[in-house]
């Protein structure tokens, strides 16, 4: 019998500013509870998680302010584009995240929204601490120096 072709991970939305604005401590993979029209809309690649964050409510973790636009063919069965979406995590992970947010003043930030090998929508969450302005400048200096260093090495031979 022929082997099934494996699907690669398809990244739908990426939060590129997160690594610049936050110092990332730890990352988690979480499932997202979605409706059918939300999944179809995400498959078209129009979701944005740039200004979204995760928050705890009643012992659960919710994705807030993620924009998944309405699916055009769904007319009256559509969803609200910015509704809160429940994140699916193990109880131990939820307790760890809630504790870090409440005690240590950290923030939960989504880094990537993607479909895994099985075709399920997943989100990569980061437990992060906000950077101050001087930290951002330091990051920028390091990035510029590394870029300049690689140019010099390439030019040298």
Foldseek 3Di string as FASTA:
>chain_A
DDDDDWDAKFFQEFQPCDVLFWDFDDKDKWAWDDDPQLLVQSVVRDKYQNPWFWDDDPLFIKIFQTARDWRVVPVPPTDDGGDIITIHDDSVVSVVLVCCCVPVVWTKGWGTWIQHRVRGTMTMITTTDGDDPVVSVVVVVVVVVVVVVVVVVVVVD
